[in-house]
Amino acid sequence: MEKLADVTTWRDSALFSEAERLALEYAERITYTDRKVDDALVEQLKRHYTEAQIVELTAAIAMENFRSKFNPALGIEAQGFCIVPKRG
């Protein structure tokens, strides 16, 4: 639950490992259109993840990006399965 509470400040949180920080950086670069996934980031990812894991991570990120566009367009609201706790 602590990690979940710190996910919005993952860059500064001591709770995330280097591998987790790289995965979150990768997710942001895939998600934001003004950012790019460059060779340097891919090489860093390869130090922590296998090729198959990078493909799976990419698919998971892409699916969440798909849902973030698809669901609101159809009026599908959050179902309460992933509730981010408020910071205390």
C-alpha atoms as a PDB file:
ATOM      1  CA  MET A   1       0.000   0.000   0.000  1.00  0.00           C
ATOM      2  CA  GLU A   2       2.947   2.329   0.639  1.00  0.00           C
ATOM      3  CA  LYS A   3       4.188   1.934  -2.927  1.00  0.00           C
ATOM      4  CA  LEU A   4       0.728   2.569  -4.269  1.00  0.00           C
ATOM      5  CA  ALA A   5       0.501   5.753  -2.219  1.00  0.00           C
ATOM      6  CA  ASP A   6       3.911   6.853  -3.548  1.00  0.00           C
ATOM      7  CA  VAL A   7       3.347   5.987  -7.202  1.00  0.00           C
ATOM      8  CA  THR A   8       2.750   9.618  -8.166  1.00  0.00           C
ATOM      9  CA  THR A   9       6.159  10.530  -6.698  1.00  0.00           C
ATOM     10  CA  TRP A  10       8.013   7.433  -7.876  1.00  0.00           C
ATOM     11  CA  ARG A  11      11.094   9.384  -8.932  1.00  0.00           C
ATOM     12  CA  ASP A  12      11.707  10.591  -5.380  1.00  0.00           C
ATOM     13  CA  SER A  13      10.350   7.637  -3.402  1.00  0.00           C
ATOM     14  CA  ALA A  14      12.842   5.292  -1.756  1.00  0.00           C
ATOM     15  CA  LEU A  15      10.265   2.494  -2.017  1.00  0.00           C
ATOM     16  CA  PHE A  16      10.920   1.756  -5.707  1.00  0.00           C
ATOM     17  CA  SER A  17      13.861  -0.266  -7.000  1.00  0.00           C
ATOM     18  CA  GLU A  18      15.920   0.798 -10.004  1.00  0.00           C
ATOM     19  CA  ALA A  19      14.093  -1.773 -12.146  1.00  0.00           C
ATOM     20  CA  GLU A  20      10.708  -0.422 -11.025  1.00  0.00           C
ATOM     21  CA  ARG A  21      11.780   3.157 -11.711  1.00  0.00           C
ATOM     22  CA  LEU A  22      12.858   2.160 -15.216  1.00  0.00           C
ATOM     23  CA  ALA A  23       9.518   0.448 -15.851  1.00  0.00           C
ATOM     24  CA  LEU A  24       7.673   3.569 -14.698  1.00  0.00           C
ATOM     25  CA  GLU A  25       9.892   5.793 -16.852  1.00  0.00           C
ATOM     26  CA  TYR A  26       9.200   3.486 -19.789  1.00  0.00           C
ATOM     27  CA  ALA A  27       5.454   3.699 -19.124  1.00  0.00           C
ATOM     28  CA  GLU A  28       5.570   7.490 -19.062  1.00  0.00           C
ATOM     29  CA  ARG A  29       7.565   7.686 -22.279  1.00  0.00           C
ATOM     30  CA  ILE A  30       5.106   5.378 -24.029  1.00  0.00           C
ATOM     31  CA  THR A  31       2.105   7.253 -22.644  1.00  0.00           C
ATOM     32  CA  TYR A  32       3.065  10.883 -23.198  1.00  0.00           C
ATOM     33  CA  THR A  33       3.166  11.883 -26.853  1.00  0.00           C
ATOM     34  CA  ASP A  34       5.911  14.458 -26.273  1.00  0.00           C
ATOM     35  CA  ARG A  35       8.328  11.781 -24.998  1.00  0.00           C
ATOM     36  CA  LYS A  36      10.197   9.067 -26.865  1.00  0.00           C
ATOM     37  CA  VAL A  37      11.585   5.660 -25.984  1.00  0.00           C
ATOM     38  CA  ASP A  38      15.214   5.898 -27.026  1.00  0.00           C
ATOM     39  CA  ASP A  39      17.950   3.286 -27.352  1.00  0.00           C
ATOM     40  CA  ALA A  40      19.516   4.323 -24.043  1.00  0.00           C
ATOM     41  CA  LEU A  41      16.319   3.546 -22.114  1.00  0.00           C
ATOM     42  CA  VAL A  42      15.912   0.223 -23.896  1.00  0.00           C
ATOM     43  CA  GLU A  43      19.488  -0.731 -22.952  1.00  0.00           C
ATOM     44  CA  GLN A  44      18.763   0.148 -19.321  1.00  0.00           C
ATOM     45  CA  LEU A  45      15.597  -1.961 -19.400  1.00  0.00           C
ATOM     46  CA  LYS A  46      17.566  -4.903 -20.813  1.00  0.00           C
ATOM     47  CA  ARG A  47      19.805  -4.857 -17.721  1.00  0.00           C
ATOM     48  CA  HIS A  48      16.786  -5.697 -15.555  1.00  0.00           C
ATOM     49  CA  TYR A  49      14.281  -7.417 -17.843  1.00  0.00           C
ATOM     50  CA  THR A  50      14.410 -10.142 -20.475  1.00  0.00           C
ATOM     51  CA  GLU A  51      13.186  -9.430 -23.981  1.00  0.00           C
ATOM     52  CA  ALA A  52       9.982 -11.338 -23.243  1.00  0.00           C
ATOM     53  CA  GLN A  53       9.418  -9.287 -20.079  1.00  0.00           C
ATOM     54  CA  ILE A  54       9.916  -6.029 -21.996  1.00  0.00           C
ATOM     55  CA  VAL A  55       7.369  -7.175 -24.592  1.00  0.00           C
ATOM     56  CA  GLU A  56       4.910  -8.075 -21.811  1.00  0.00           C
ATOM     57  CA  LEU A  57       5.503  -4.750 -20.050  1.00  0.00           C
ATOM     58  CA  THR A  58       4.969  -2.895 -23.329  1.00  0.00           C
ATOM     59  CA  ALA A  59       1.716  -4.780 -23.950  1.00  0.00           C
ATOM     60  CA  ALA A  60       0.426  -4.002 -20.447  1.00  0.00           C
ATOM     61  CA  ILE A  61       1.246  -0.301 -20.826  1.00  0.00           C
ATOM     62  CA  ALA A  62      -0.335  -0.189 -24.284  1.00  0.00           C
ATOM     63  CA  MET A  63      -3.495  -1.907 -23.004  1.00  0.00           C
ATOM     64  CA  GLU A  64      -3.899   0.618 -20.185  1.00  0.00           C
ATOM     65  CA  ASN A  65      -3.381   3.461 -22.647  1.00  0.00           C
ATOM     66  CA  PHE A  66      -6.030   1.882 -24.888  1.00  0.00           C
ATOM     67  CA  ARG A  67      -8.467   1.667 -21.981  1.00  0.00           C
ATOM     68  CA  SER A  68      -7.796   5.253 -20.969  1.00  0.00           C
ATOM     69  CA  LYS A  69      -9.076   6.386 -24.371  1.00  0.00           C
ATOM     70  CA  PHE A  70     -11.693   3.713 -25.074  1.00  0.00           C
ATOM     71  CA  ASN A  71     -13.599   3.652 -21.788  1.00  0.00           C
ATOM     72  CA  PRO A  72     -14.312   7.379 -21.370  1.00  0.00           C
ATOM     73  CA  ALA A  73     -15.476   7.645 -24.985  1.00  0.00           C
ATOM     74  CA  LEU A  74     -18.164   5.068 -24.198  1.00  0.00           C
ATOM     75  CA  GLY A  75     -18.981   6.476 -20.785  1.00  0.00           C
ATOM     76  CA  ILE A  76     -17.441   3.549 -18.930  1.00  0.00           C
ATOM     77  CA  GLU A  77     -16.474   4.733 -15.474  1.00  0.00           C
ATOM     78  CA  ALA A  78     -14.097   3.250 -12.922  1.00  0.00           C
ATOM     79  CA  GLN A  79     -15.483   0.173 -11.212  1.00  0.00           C
ATOM     80  CA  GLY A  80     -13.566   0.691  -7.964  1.00  0.00           C
ATOM     81  CA  PHE A  81     -11.155  -2.219  -8.409  1.00  0.00           C
ATOM     82  CA  CYS A  82      -8.033  -0.102  -8.173  1.00  0.00           C
ATOM     83  CA  ILE A  83      -8.461   2.601  -5.604  1.00  0.00           C
ATOM     84  CA  VAL A  84      -5.373   4.695  -5.013  1.00  0.00           C
ATOM     85  CA  PRO A  85      -5.243   5.572  -1.312  1.00  0.00           C
ATOM     86  CA  LYS A  86      -5.045   9.222  -0.345  1.00  0.00           C
ATOM     87  CA  ARG A  87      -1.695  10.362   0.969  1.00  0.00           C
ATOM     88  CA  GLY A  88      -1.755  11.011   4.675  1.00  0.00           C
END
